[in-house]
PDB file of N, CA and C in Angstrom:
ATOM      1  N   MET A   1       3.110  -3.948   3.014  1.00  0.00           N
ATOM      2  CA  MET A   1       3.896  -4.488   4.121  1.00  0.00           C
ATOM      3  C   MET A   1       3.227  -5.718   4.563  1.00  0.00           C
ATOM      4  N   VAL A   2       4.042  -6.735   4.815  1.00  0.00           N
ATOM      5  CA  VAL A   2       3.586  -8.071   5.231  1.00  0.00           C
ATOM      6  C   VAL A   2       4.487  -8.595   6.365  1.00  0.00           C
ATOM      7  N   PRO A   3       3.948  -9.516   7.137  1.00  0.00           N
ATOM      8  CA  PRO A   3       4.813 -10.123   8.115  1.00  0.00           C
ATOM      9  C   PRO A   3       5.949 -10.921   7.421  1.00  0.00           C
ATOM     10  N   THR A   4       7.088 -11.091   8.071  1.00  0.00           N
ATOM     11  CA  THR A   4       8.196 -11.727   7.440  1.00  0.00           C
ATOM     12  C   THR A   4       7.897 -13.214   7.122  1.00  0.00           C
ATOM     13  N   ASP A   5       6.918 -13.843   7.799  1.00  0.00           N
ATOM     14  CA  ASP A   5       6.641 -15.227   7.499  1.00  0.00           C
ATOM     15  C   ASP A   5       5.395 -15.425   6.619  1.00  0.00           C
ATOM     16  N   HIS A   6       4.950 -14.334   6.026  1.00  0.00           N
ATOM     17  CA  HIS A   6       3.748 -14.372   5.137  1.00  0.00           C
ATOM     18  C   HIS A   6       4.112 -14.993   3.792  1.00  0.00           C
ATOM     19  N   ARG A   7       3.124 -15.559   3.117  1.00  0.00           N
ATOM     20  CA  ARG A   7       3.344 -16.202   1.810  1.00  0.00           C
ATOM     21  C   ARG A   7       3.860 -15.221   0.748  1.00  0.00           C
ATOM     22  N   LEU A   8       3.607 -13.945   0.896  1.00  0.00           N
ATOM     23  CA  LEU A   8       4.047 -12.915  -0.056  1.00  0.00           C
ATOM     24  C   LEU A   8       5.474 -12.383   0.264  1.00  0.00           C
ATOM     25  N   ALA A   9       5.980 -12.689   1.429  1.00  0.00           N
ATOM     26  CA  ALA A   9       7.226 -12.079   1.882  1.00  0.00           C
ATOM     27  C   ALA A   9       8.429 -12.408   1.042  1.00  0.00           C
ATOM     28  N   GLY A  10       8.410 -13.591   0.409  1.00  0.00           N
ATOM     29  CA  GLY A  10       9.559 -13.966  -0.395  1.00  0.00           C
ATOM     30  C   GLY A  10       9.464 -13.606  -1.869  1.00  0.00           C
ATOM     31  N   ARG A  11       8.338 -12.996  -2.225  1.00  0.00           N
ATOM     32  CA  ARG A  11       8.157 -12.575  -3.622  1.00  0.00           C
ATOM     33  C   ARG A  11       8.995 -11.343  -3.957  1.00  0.00           C
ATOM     34  N   LYS A  12       9.398 -11.310  -5.275  1.00  0.00           N
ATOM     35  CA  LYS A  12      10.160 -10.138  -5.755  1.00  0.00           C
ATOM     36  C   LYS A  12       9.207  -8.914  -5.803  1.00  0.00           C
ATOM     37  N   SER A  13       8.004  -9.130  -6.208  1.00  0.00           N
ATOM     38  CA  SER A  13       6.956  -8.107  -6.247  1.00  0.00           C
ATOM     39  C   SER A  13       5.590  -8.767  -6.083  1.00  0.00           C
ATOM     40  N   VAL A  14       4.562  -7.947  -5.913  1.00  0.00           N
ATOM     41  CA  VAL A  14       3.192  -8.424  -5.762  1.00  0.00           C
ATOM     42  C   VAL A  14       2.233  -7.645  -6.695  1.00  0.00           C
ATOM     43  N   THR A  15       1.091  -8.199  -6.937  1.00  0.00           N
ATOM     44  CA  THR A  15       0.106  -7.568  -7.755  1.00  0.00           C
ATOM     45  C   THR A  15      -1.159  -7.339  -6.931  1.00  0.00           C
ATOM     46  N   ILE A  16      -2.093  -6.601  -7.471  1.00  0.00           N
ATOM     47  CA  ILE A  16      -3.354  -6.332  -6.780  1.00  0.00           C
ATOM     48  C   ILE A  16      -4.141  -7.653  -6.525  1.00  0.00           C
ATOM     49  N   ASP A  17      -4.000  -8.618  -7.422  1.00  0.00           N
ATOM     50  CA  ASP A  17      -4.685  -9.903  -7.266  1.00  0.00           C
ATOM     51  C   ASP A  17      -4.166 -10.663  -6.030  1.00  0.00           C
ATOM     52  N   ASP A  18      -2.951 -10.455  -5.658  1.00  0.00           N
ATOM     53  CA  ASP A  18      -2.395 -11.111  -4.448  1.00  0.00           C
ATOM     54  C   ASP A  18      -3.089 -10.699  -3.182  1.00  0.00           C
ATOM     55  N   PHE A  19      -3.795  -9.571  -3.167  1.00  0.00           N
ATOM     56  CA  PHE A  19      -4.476  -9.050  -2.022  1.00  0.00           C
ATOM     57  C   PHE A  19      -5.971  -9.380  -1.929  1.00  0.00           C
ATOM     58  N   ALA A  20      -6.493 -10.124  -2.910  1.00  0.00           N
ATOM     59  CA  ALA A  20      -7.924 -10.415  -3.021  1.00  0.00           C
ATOM     60  C   ALA A  20      -8.485 -10.951  -1.761  1.00  0.00           C
ATOM     61  N   ASP A  21      -7.807 -11.907  -1.073  1.00  0.00           N
ATOM     62  CA  ASP A  21      -8.368 -12.503   0.091  1.00  0.00           C
ATOM     63  C   ASP A  21      -7.649 -12.131   1.372  1.00  0.00           C
ATOM     64  N   GLU A  22      -6.850 -11.076   1.326  1.00  0.00           N
ATOM     65  CA  GLU A  22      -6.105 -10.646   2.480  1.00  0.00           C
ATOM     66  C   GLU A  22      -6.763  -9.556   3.248  1.00  0.00           C
ATOM     67  N   ALA A  23      -6.644  -9.605   4.554  1.00  0.00           N
ATOM     68  CA  ALA A  23      -7.120  -8.516   5.405  1.00  0.00           C
ATOM     69  C   ALA A  23      -6.128  -7.407   5.228  1.00  0.00           C
ATOM     70  N   LEU A  24      -6.624  -6.136   5.016  1.00  0.00           N
ATOM     71  CA  LEU A  24      -5.783  -4.961   4.916  1.00  0.00           C
ATOM     72  C   LEU A  24      -6.066  -4.039   6.073  1.00  0.00           C
ATOM     73  N   VAL A  25      -5.069  -3.379   6.576  1.00  0.00           N
ATOM     74  CA  VAL A  25      -5.240  -2.455   7.676  1.00  0.00           C
ATOM     75  C   VAL A  25      -6.318  -1.421   7.306  1.00  0.00           C
ATOM     76  N   ARG A  26      -7.202  -1.173   8.229  1.00  0.00           N
ATOM     77  CA  ARG A  26      -8.254  -0.142   8.053  1.00  0.00           C
ATOM     78  C   ARG A  26      -7.864   1.005   8.848  1.00  0.00           C
ATOM     79  N   TYR A  27      -8.044   2.249   8.344  1.00  0.00           N
ATOM     80  CA  TYR A  27      -7.626   3.517   8.998  1.00  0.00           C
ATOM     81  C   TYR A  27      -8.846   4.306   9.472  1.00  0.00           C
ATOM     82  N   ALA A  28      -8.681   5.012  10.563  1.00  0.00           N
ATOM     83  CA  ALA A  28      -9.769   5.808  11.132  1.00  0.00           C
ATOM     84  C   ALA A  28     -10.184   6.997  10.230  1.00  0.00           C
ATOM     85  N   ASP A  29      -9.231   7.571   9.549  1.00  0.00           N
ATOM     86  CA  ASP A  29      -9.488   8.711   8.659  1.00  0.00           C
ATOM     87  C   ASP A  29     -10.056   8.136   7.316  1.00  0.00           C
ATOM     88  N   ALA A  30     -11.290   8.451   6.974  1.00  0.00           N
ATOM     89  CA  ALA A  30     -11.966   7.894   5.818  1.00  0.00           C
ATOM     90  C   ALA A  30     -11.219   8.156   4.511  1.00  0.00           C
ATOM     91  N   ALA A  31     -10.683   9.367   4.327  1.00  0.00           N
ATOM     92  CA  ALA A  31      -9.978   9.727   3.070  1.00  0.00           C
ATOM     93  C   ALA A  31      -8.704   8.863   2.944  1.00  0.00           C
ATOM     94  N   TYR A  32      -7.953   8.776   4.025  1.00  0.00           N
ATOM     95  CA  TYR A  32      -6.732   7.989   3.982  1.00  0.00           C
ATOM     96  C   TYR A  32      -7.034   6.500   3.803  1.00  0.00           C
ATOM     97  N   ASP A  33      -8.101   6.041   4.435  1.00  0.00           N
ATOM     98  CA  ASP A  33      -8.530   4.661   4.308  1.00  0.00           C
ATOM     99  C   ASP A  33      -8.864   4.346   2.858  1.00  0.00           C
ATOM    100  N   ALA A  34      -9.611   5.251   2.230  1.00  0.00           N
ATOM    101  CA  ALA A  34     -10.063   5.047   0.843  1.00  0.00           C
ATOM    102  C   ALA A  34      -8.816   4.965  -0.117  1.00  0.00           C
ATOM    103  N   LEU A  35      -7.825   5.691   0.220  1.00  0.00           N
ATOM    104  CA  LEU A  35      -6.616   5.766  -0.636  1.00  0.00           C
ATOM    105  C   LEU A  35      -5.789   4.438  -0.534  1.00  0.00           C
ATOM    106  N   TRP A  36      -5.702   3.869   0.653  1.00  0.00           N
ATOM    107  CA  TRP A  36      -4.769   2.755   0.863  1.00  0.00           C
ATOM    108  C   TRP A  36      -5.410   1.362   1.014  1.00  0.00           C
ATOM    109  N   ARG A  37      -6.674   1.260   0.810  1.00  0.00           N
ATOM    110  CA  ARG A  37      -7.368  -0.042   0.807  1.00  0.00           C
ATOM    111  C   ARG A  37      -7.880  -0.353  -0.587  1.00  0.00           C
ATOM    112  N   ILE A  38      -7.985  -1.574  -0.887  1.00  0.00           N
ATOM    113  CA  ILE A  38      -8.511  -1.950  -2.224  1.00  0.00           C
ATOM    114  C   ILE A  38      -9.963  -2.243  -2.114  1.00  0.00           C
ATOM    115  N   ASP A  39     -10.798  -1.284  -2.652  1.00  0.00           N
ATOM    116  CA  ASP A  39     -12.216  -1.435  -2.546  1.00  0.00           C
ATOM    117  C   ASP A  39     -12.835  -0.907  -3.831  1.00  0.00           C
ATOM    118  N   PRO A  40     -13.491  -1.787  -4.586  1.00  0.00           N
ATOM    119  CA  PRO A  40     -13.726  -3.199  -4.303  1.00  0.00           C
ATOM    120  C   PRO A  40     -12.430  -4.029  -4.521  1.00  0.00           C
ATOM    121  N   ARG A  41     -12.480  -5.263  -4.065  1.00  0.00           N
ATOM    122  CA  ARG A  41     -11.361  -6.188  -4.288  1.00  0.00           C
ATOM    123  C   ARG A  41     -11.329  -6.540  -5.765  1.00  0.00           C
ATOM    124  N   PRO A  42     -10.253  -7.164  -6.238  1.00  0.00           N
ATOM    125  CA  PRO A  42     -10.102  -7.526  -7.683  1.00  0.00           C
ATOM    126  C   PRO A  42     -11.284  -8.290  -8.257  1.00  0.00           C
ATOM    127  N   ASP A  43     -11.928  -9.151  -7.449  1.00  0.00           N
ATOM    128  CA  ASP A  43     -13.015  -9.984  -7.967  1.00  0.00           C
ATOM    129  C   ASP A  43     -14.357  -9.240  -7.814  1.00  0.00           C
ATOM    130  N   GLY A  44     -14.358  -7.942  -7.359  1.00  0.00           N
ATOM    131  CA  GLY A  44     -15.591  -7.169  -7.277  1.00  0.00           C
ATOM    132  C   GLY A  44     -16.228  -7.151  -5.932  1.00  0.00           C
ATOM    133  N   ARG A  45     -15.721  -8.034  -4.989  1.00  0.00           N
ATOM    134  CA  ARG A  45     -16.328  -8.023  -3.626  1.00  0.00           C
ATOM    135  C   ARG A  45     -16.021  -6.733  -2.917  1.00  0.00           C
ATOM    136  N   SER A  46     -16.866  -6.347  -1.998  1.00  0.00           N
ATOM    137  CA  SER A  46     -16.619  -5.200  -1.185  1.00  0.00           C
ATOM    138  C   SER A  46     -15.503  -5.543  -0.159  1.00  0.00           C
ATOM    139  N   THR A  47     -14.792  -4.541   0.285  1.00  0.00           N
ATOM    140  CA  THR A  47     -13.776  -4.719   1.250  1.00  0.00           C
ATOM    141  C   THR A  47     -14.377  -5.071   2.603  1.00  0.00           C
ATOM    142  N   PRO A  48     -13.917  -6.096   3.267  1.00  0.00           N
ATOM    143  CA  PRO A  48     -14.476  -6.453   4.565  1.00  0.00           C
ATOM    144  C   PRO A  48     -14.037  -5.458   5.652  1.00  0.00           C
ATOM    145  N   GLU A  49     -14.651  -5.560   6.809  1.00  0.00           N
ATOM    146  CA  GLU A  49     -14.285  -4.791   7.985  1.00  0.00           C
ATOM    147  C   GLU A  49     -12.992  -5.343   8.545  1.00  0.00           C
ATOM    148  N   ASP A  50     -11.874  -4.929   7.975  1.00  0.00           N
ATOM    149  CA  ASP A  50     -10.542  -5.400   8.425  1.00  0.00           C
ATOM    150  C   ASP A  50     -10.168  -4.702   9.737  1.00  0.00           C
ATOM    151  N   PRO A  51      -9.121  -5.165  10.376  1.00  0.00           N
ATOM    152  CA  PRO A  51      -8.622  -4.576  11.647  1.00  0.00           C
ATOM    153  C   PRO A  51      -8.292  -3.073  11.526  1.00  0.00           C
ATOM    154  N   LEU A  52      -8.707  -2.350  12.521  1.00  0.00           N
ATOM    155  CA  LEU A  52      -8.518  -0.872  12.560  1.00  0.00           C
ATOM    156  C   LEU A  52      -7.167  -0.471  13.218  1.00  0.00           C
ATOM    157  N   ALA A  53      -6.402   0.379  12.546  1.00  0.00           N
ATOM    158  CA  ALA A  53      -5.183   0.929  13.111  1.00  0.00           C
ATOM    159  C   ALA A  53      -5.425   2.421  13.363  1.00  0.00           C
ATOM    160  N   VAL A  54      -5.323   2.849  14.586  1.00  0.00           N
ATOM    161  CA  VAL A  54      -5.470   4.280  14.908  1.00  0.00           C
ATOM    162  C   VAL A  54      -4.136   5.010  14.815  1.00  0.00           C
ATOM    163  N   THR A  55      -3.042   4.278  15.172  1.00  0.00           N
ATOM    164  CA  THR A  55      -1.733   4.890  15.106  1.00  0.00           C
ATOM    165  C   THR A  55      -0.803   4.059  14.251  1.00  0.00           C
ATOM    166  N   ALA A  56       0.345   4.661  13.864  1.00  0.00           N
ATOM    167  CA  ALA A  56       1.310   3.884  13.122  1.00  0.00           C
ATOM    168  C   ALA A  56       1.767   2.648  13.835  1.00  0.00           C
ATOM    169  N   ALA A  57       1.914   2.751  15.193  1.00  0.00           N
ATOM    170  CA  ALA A  57       2.309   1.584  15.954  1.00  0.00           C
ATOM    171  C   ALA A  57       1.235   0.479  15.875  1.00  0.00           C
ATOM    172  N   ASP A  58      -0.041   0.848  15.871  1.00  0.00           N
ATOM    173  CA  ASP A  58      -1.125  -0.090  15.706  1.00  0.00           C
ATOM    174  C   ASP A  58      -0.943  -0.840  14.385  1.00  0.00           C
ATOM    175  N   LYS A  59      -0.689  -0.073  13.336  1.00  0.00           N
ATOM    176  CA  LYS A  59      -0.524  -0.677  11.978  1.00  0.00           C
ATOM    177  C   LYS A  59       0.587  -1.708  12.021  1.00  0.00           C
ATOM    178  N   LEU A  60       1.734  -1.372  12.585  1.00  0.00           N
ATOM    179  CA  LEU A  60       2.857  -2.281  12.558  1.00  0.00           C
ATOM    180  C   LEU A  60       2.571  -3.510  13.407  1.00  0.00           C
ATOM    181  N   GLU A  61       1.848  -3.328  14.556  1.00  0.00           N
ATOM    182  CA  GLU A  61       1.496  -4.484  15.364  1.00  0.00           C
ATOM    183  C   GLU A  61       0.562  -5.437  14.611  1.00  0.00           C
ATOM    184  N   LEU A  62      -0.434  -4.854  13.894  1.00  0.00           N
ATOM    185  CA  LEU A  62      -1.358  -5.694  13.097  1.00  0.00           C
ATOM    186  C   LEU A  62      -0.627  -6.472  12.051  1.00  0.00           C
ATOM    187  N   ILE A  63       0.312  -5.821  11.365  1.00  0.00           N
ATOM    188  CA  ILE A  63       1.067  -6.496  10.304  1.00  0.00           C
ATOM    189  C   ILE A  63       1.974  -7.557  10.887  1.00  0.00           C
ATOM    190  N   ALA A  64       2.796  -7.202  11.868  1.00  0.00           N
ATOM    191  CA  ALA A  64       3.743  -8.154  12.462  1.00  0.00           C
ATOM    192  C   ALA A  64       2.984  -9.365  13.062  1.00  0.00           C
ATOM    193  N   GLY A  65       1.809  -9.081  13.633  1.00  0.00           N
ATOM    194  CA  GLY A  65       1.049 -10.157  14.249  1.00  0.00           C
ATOM    195  C   GLY A  65       0.266 -11.021  13.292  1.00  0.00           C
ATOM    196  N   GLY A  66       0.378 -10.710  11.993  1.00  0.00           N
ATOM    197  CA  GLY A  66      -0.318 -11.506  10.994  1.00  0.00           C
ATOM    198  C   GLY A  66      -1.803 -11.289  10.888  1.00  0.00           C
ATOM    199  N   GLN A  67      -2.274 -10.154  11.449  1.00  0.00           N
ATOM    200  CA  GLN A  67      -3.757  -9.906  11.407  1.00  0.00           C
ATOM    201  C   GLN A  67      -4.138  -9.159  10.117  1.00  0.00           C
ATOM    202  N   ALA A  68      -3.192  -8.421   9.523  1.00  0.00           N
ATOM    203  CA  ALA A  68      -3.537  -7.627   8.346  1.00  0.00           C
ATOM    204  C   ALA A  68      -2.246  -7.274   7.560  1.00  0.00           C
ATOM    205  N   LEU A  69      -2.434  -6.905   6.315  1.00  0.00           N
ATOM    206  CA  LEU A  69      -1.326  -6.415   5.502  1.00  0.00           C
ATOM    207  C   LEU A  69      -1.618  -4.903   5.235  1.00  0.00           C
ATOM    208  N   ALA A  70      -0.660  -4.199   4.720  1.00  0.00           N
ATOM    209  CA  ALA A  70      -0.864  -2.787   4.380  1.00  0.00           C
ATOM    210  C   ALA A  70      -0.169  -2.388   3.095  1.00  0.00           C
ATOM    211  N   LEU A  71      -0.810  -1.534   2.348  1.00  0.00           N
ATOM    212  CA  LEU A  71      -0.187  -0.900   1.231  1.00  0.00           C
ATOM    213  C   LEU A  71       0.397   0.394   1.690  1.00  0.00           C
ATOM    214  N   ALA A  72       1.603   0.734   1.194  1.00  0.00           N
ATOM    215  CA  ALA A  72       2.259   1.899   1.698  1.00  0.00           C
ATOM    216  C   ALA A  72       3.105   2.481   0.563  1.00  0.00           C
ATOM    217  N   PRO A  73       3.357   3.763   0.569  1.00  0.00           N
ATOM    218  CA  PRO A  73       4.203   4.367  -0.486  1.00  0.00           C
ATOM    219  C   PRO A  73       5.603   3.805  -0.413  1.00  0.00           C
ATOM    220  N   ALA A  74       6.268   3.655  -1.511  1.00  0.00           N
ATOM    221  CA  ALA A  74       7.644   3.110  -1.548  1.00  0.00           C
ATOM    222  C   ALA A  74       8.524   4.034  -0.754  1.00  0.00           C
ATOM    223  N   GLY A  75       9.219   3.474   0.217  1.00  0.00           N
ATOM    224  CA  GLY A  75      10.150   4.232   1.077  1.00  0.00           C
ATOM    225  C   GLY A  75       9.389   4.978   2.148  1.00  0.00           C
ATOM    226  N   GLY A  76       8.093   4.953   2.175  1.00  0.00           N
ATOM    227  CA  GLY A  76       7.324   5.690   3.195  1.00  0.00           C
ATOM    228  C   GLY A  76       7.276   4.996   4.531  1.00  0.00           C
ATOM    229  N   ASP A  77       7.222   3.734   4.509  1.00  0.00           N
ATOM    230  CA  ASP A  77       7.241   2.927   5.729  1.00  0.00           C
ATOM    231  C   ASP A  77       8.412   1.999   5.652  1.00  0.00           C
ATOM    232  N   HIS A  78       9.340   2.219   6.550  1.00  0.00           N
ATOM    233  CA  HIS A  78      10.467   1.262   6.598  1.00  0.00           C
ATOM    234  C   HIS A  78       9.942   0.022   7.289  1.00  0.00           C
ATOM    235  N   ALA A  79      10.442  -1.111   6.883  1.00  0.00           N
ATOM    236  CA  ALA A  79       9.910  -2.294   7.409  1.00  0.00           C
ATOM    237  C   ALA A  79      10.633  -2.703   8.760  1.00  0.00           C
ATOM    238  N   PRO A  80       9.949  -2.305   9.857  1.00  0.00           N
ATOM    239  CA  PRO A  80      10.593  -2.599  11.169  1.00  0.00           C
ATOM    240  C   PRO A  80      10.298  -3.982  11.632  1.00  0.00           C
ATOM    241  N   PHE A  81      10.945  -4.434  12.616  1.00  0.00           N
ATOM    242  CA  PHE A  81      10.862  -5.722  13.326  1.00  0.00           C
ATOM    243  C   PHE A  81      10.357  -6.854  12.428  1.00  0.00           C
ATOM    244  N   ASP A  82       9.249  -7.411  12.704  1.00  0.00           N
ATOM    245  CA  ASP A  82       8.786  -8.634  12.016  1.00  0.00           C
ATOM    246  C   ASP A  82       7.973  -8.323  10.709  1.00  0.00           C
ATOM    247  N   THR A  83       8.302  -7.282  10.021  1.00  0.00           N
ATOM    248  CA  THR A  83       7.617  -6.991   8.750  1.00  0.00           C
ATOM    249  C   THR A  83       8.574  -6.812   7.636  1.00  0.00           C
ATOM    250  N   THR A  84       8.120  -6.872   6.428  1.00  0.00           N
ATOM    251  CA  THR A  84       8.957  -6.637   5.235  1.00  0.00           C
ATOM    252  C   THR A  84       8.013  -5.988   4.198  1.00  0.00           C
ATOM    253  N   SER A  85       8.587  -5.366   3.182  1.00  0.00           N
ATOM    254  CA  SER A  85       7.776  -4.756   2.134  1.00  0.00           C
ATOM    255  C   SER A  85       8.171  -5.345   0.788  1.00  0.00           C
ATOM    256  N   ARG A  86       7.283  -5.292  -0.143  1.00  0.00           N
ATOM    257  CA  ARG A  86       7.447  -5.782  -1.500  1.00  0.00           C
ATOM    258  C   ARG A  86       6.966  -4.699  -2.476  1.00  0.00           C
ATOM    259  N   PRO A  87       7.675  -4.518  -3.601  1.00  0.00           N
ATOM    260  CA  PRO A  87       7.207  -3.553  -4.567  1.00  0.00           C
ATOM    261  C   PRO A  87       5.844  -3.974  -5.202  1.00  0.00           C
ATOM    262  N   PHE A  88       5.103  -2.974  -5.558  1.00  0.00           N
ATOM    263  CA  PHE A  88       3.753  -3.197  -6.135  1.00  0.00           C
ATOM    264  C   PHE A  88       3.778  -2.418  -7.431  1.00  0.00           C
ATOM    265  N   PRO A  89       4.335  -3.052  -8.494  1.00  0.00           N
ATOM    266  CA  PRO A  89       4.444  -2.300  -9.792  1.00  0.00           C
ATOM    267  C   PRO A  89       3.122  -1.984 -10.410  1.00  0.00           C
ATOM    268  N   LEU A  90       3.024  -0.776 -10.943  1.00  0.00           N
ATOM    269  CA  LEU A  90       1.828  -0.373 -11.646  1.00  0.00           C
ATOM    270  C   LEU A  90       1.899  -0.926 -13.095  1.00  0.00           C
ATOM    271  N   LYS A  91       0.755  -1.258 -13.638  1.00  0.00           N
ATOM    272  CA  LYS A  91       0.665  -1.716 -15.012  1.00  0.00           C
ATOM    273  C   LYS A  91       0.803  -0.464 -15.908  1.00  0.00           C
ATOM    274  N   ALA A  92       1.243  -0.672 -17.133  1.00  0.00           N
ATOM    275  CA  ALA A  92       1.451   0.467 -18.071  1.00  0.00           C
ATOM    276  C   ALA A  92       0.173   1.254 -18.264  1.00  0.00           C
ATOM    277  N   SER A  93      -1.014   0.654 -18.084  1.00  0.00           N
ATOM    278  CA  SER A  93      -2.275   1.363 -18.304  1.00  0.00           C
ATOM    279  C   SER A  93      -2.624   2.255 -17.100  1.00  0.00           C
ATOM    280  N   ASN A  94      -1.947   2.049 -15.983  1.00  0.00           N
ATOM    281  CA  ASN A  94      -2.219   2.912 -14.806  1.00  0.00           C
ATOM    282  C   ASN A  94      -1.448   4.207 -14.920  1.00  0.00           C
ATOM    283  N   ARG A  95      -1.999   5.316 -14.444  1.00  0.00           N
ATOM    284  CA  ARG A  95      -1.317   6.571 -14.509  1.00  0.00           C
ATOM    285  C   ARG A  95      -1.482   7.302 -13.169  1.00  0.00           C
ATOM    286  N   ALA A  96      -0.461   8.031 -12.819  1.00  0.00           N
ATOM    287  CA  ALA A  96      -0.542   8.880 -11.675  1.00  0.00           C
ATOM    288  C   ALA A  96      -0.223  10.263 -12.119  1.00  0.00           C
ATOM    289  N   GLU A  97      -1.059  11.212 -11.741  1.00  0.00           N
ATOM    290  CA  GLU A  97      -0.824  12.572 -12.146  1.00  0.00           C
ATOM    291  C   GLU A  97      -0.819  13.491 -10.941  1.00  0.00           C
ATOM    292  N   SER A  98      -0.076  14.586 -11.077  1.00  0.00           N
ATOM    293  CA  SER A  98       0.002  15.530  -9.979  1.00  0.00           C
ATOM    294  C   SER A  98      -0.044  16.941 -10.586  1.00  0.00           C
ATOM    295  N   CYS A  99      -0.518  17.893  -9.822  1.00  0.00           N
ATOM    296  CA  CYS A  99      -0.539  19.262 -10.370  1.00  0.00           C
ATOM    297  C   CYS A  99      -0.169  20.147  -9.189  1.00  0.00           C
ATOM    298  N   SER A 100       0.262  21.387  -9.592  1.00  0.00           N
ATOM    299  CA  SER A 100       0.705  22.353  -8.579  1.00  0.00           C
ATOM    300  C   SER A 100       0.267  23.741  -9.059  1.00  0.00           C
ATOM    301  N   ARG A 101      -0.144  24.554  -8.152  1.00  0.00           N
ATOM    302  CA  ARG A 101      -0.600  25.928  -8.508  1.00  0.00           C
ATOM    303  C   ARG A 101       0.578  26.811  -8.919  1.00  0.00           C
ATOM    304  N   ARG A 102       1.771  26.559  -8.380  1.00  0.00           N
ATOM    305  CA  ARG A 102       2.912  27.474  -8.590  1.00  0.00           C
ATOM    306  C   ARG A 102       4.000  26.811  -9.455  1.00  0.00           C
ATOM    307  N   GLY A 103       3.699  25.800 -10.205  1.00  0.00           N
ATOM    308  CA  GLY A 103       4.679  25.178 -11.035  1.00  0.00           C
ATOM    309  C   GLY A 103       5.283  23.961 -10.374  1.00  0.00           C
ATOM    310  N   PRO A 104       6.130  23.292 -11.115  1.00  0.00           N
ATOM    311  CA  PRO A 104       6.674  22.025 -10.584  1.00  0.00           C
ATOM    312  C   PRO A 104       7.512  22.230  -9.356  1.00  0.00           C
ATOM    313  N   ARG A 105       7.372  21.331  -8.444  1.00  0.00           N
ATOM    314  CA  ARG A 105       8.212  21.282  -7.251  1.00  0.00           C
ATOM    315  C   ARG A 105       9.032  20.031  -7.236  1.00  0.00           C
ATOM    316  N   ARG A 106       9.872  19.818  -6.293  1.00  0.00           N
ATOM    317  CA  ARG A 106      10.772  18.679  -6.301  1.00  0.00           C
ATOM    318  C   ARG A 106      10.000  17.350  -6.385  1.00  0.00           C
ATOM    319  N   ALA A 107       8.875  17.220  -5.574  1.00  0.00           N
ATOM    320  CA  ALA A 107       8.140  15.996  -5.587  1.00  0.00           C
ATOM    321  C   ALA A 107       7.509  15.707  -6.930  1.00  0.00           C
ATOM    322  N   VAL A 108       7.004  16.788  -7.577  1.00  0.00           N
ATOM    323  CA  VAL A 108       6.406  16.628  -8.908  1.00  0.00           C
ATOM    324  C   VAL A 108       7.442  16.183  -9.927  1.00  0.00           C
ATOM    325  N   ARG A 109       8.650  16.818  -9.886  1.00  0.00           N
ATOM    326  CA  ARG A 109       9.736  16.445 -10.780  1.00  0.00           C
ATOM    327  C   ARG A 109      10.099  14.989 -10.555  1.00  0.00           C
ATOM    328  N   SER A 110      10.185  14.558  -9.305  1.00  0.00           N
ATOM    329  CA  SER A 110      10.565  13.242  -8.943  1.00  0.00           C
ATOM    330  C   SER A 110       9.486  12.232  -9.469  1.00  0.00           C
ATOM    331  N   LEU A 111       8.215  12.562  -9.335  1.00  0.00           N
ATOM    332  CA  LEU A 111       7.163  11.706  -9.833  1.00  0.00           C
ATOM    333  C   LEU A 111       7.218  11.578 -11.354  1.00  0.00           C
ATOM    334  N   ARG A 112       7.476  12.716 -12.032  1.00  0.00           N
ATOM    335  CA  ARG A 112       7.610  12.648 -13.501  1.00  0.00           C
ATOM    336  C   ARG A 112       8.783  11.814 -13.905  1.00  0.00           C
ATOM    337  N   THR A 113       9.912  11.967 -13.283  1.00  0.00           N
ATOM    338  CA  THR A 113      11.109  11.162 -13.590  1.00  0.00           C
ATOM    339  C   THR A 113      10.828   9.670 -13.303  1.00  0.00           C
ATOM    340  N   SER A 114      10.220   9.370 -12.206  1.00  0.00           N
ATOM    341  CA  SER A 114       9.899   7.980 -11.870  1.00  0.00           C
ATOM    342  C   SER A 114       8.918   7.375 -12.849  1.00  0.00           C
ATOM    343  N   SER A 115       7.851   8.121 -13.183  1.00  0.00           N
ATOM    344  CA  SER A 115       6.840   7.677 -14.124  1.00  0.00           C
ATOM    345  C   SER A 115       7.397   7.462 -15.540  1.00  0.00           C
ATOM    346  N   ALA A 116       8.315   8.332 -15.951  1.00  0.00           N
ATOM    347  CA  ALA A 116       8.953   8.196 -17.305  1.00  0.00           C
ATOM    348  C   ALA A 116       9.794   6.886 -17.376  1.00  0.00           C
ATOM    349  N   SER A 117      10.378   6.469 -16.269  1.00  0.00           N
ATOM    350  CA  SER A 117      11.231   5.336 -16.301  1.00  0.00           C
ATOM    351  C   SER A 117      10.475   4.016 -16.219  1.00  0.00           C
ATOM    352  N   GLN A 118       9.111   4.074 -15.950  1.00  0.00           N
ATOM    353  CA  GLN A 118       8.339   2.847 -15.881  1.00  0.00           C
ATOM    354  C   GLN A 118       8.063   2.328 -17.188  1.00  0.00           C
TER     355      GLN A 118
END
């Protein structure tokens, strides 16, 4: 997610390299933060102490105000007010896997269908 006037806002899609010098929203929950921030950055630098979002409203305010960008699941965060989102396509070498103790569920089937179409 980026502010509507950000240099990436007009792009059809973005890559991990586009985020190398960008501040990304930092989250209070360490596990969630580790999942949605790029650390290390593409050039090997450690992730800086970017702005902290405690709530979803904080996150949107940071993005809309141009203080930080955020990675988010497709369709997970609708782009409200002064923000927009851009697809972040995975390279063919990237893989996402999921497992379930009781067999496939709707989300797993959806992930498999989506992954097969990439």
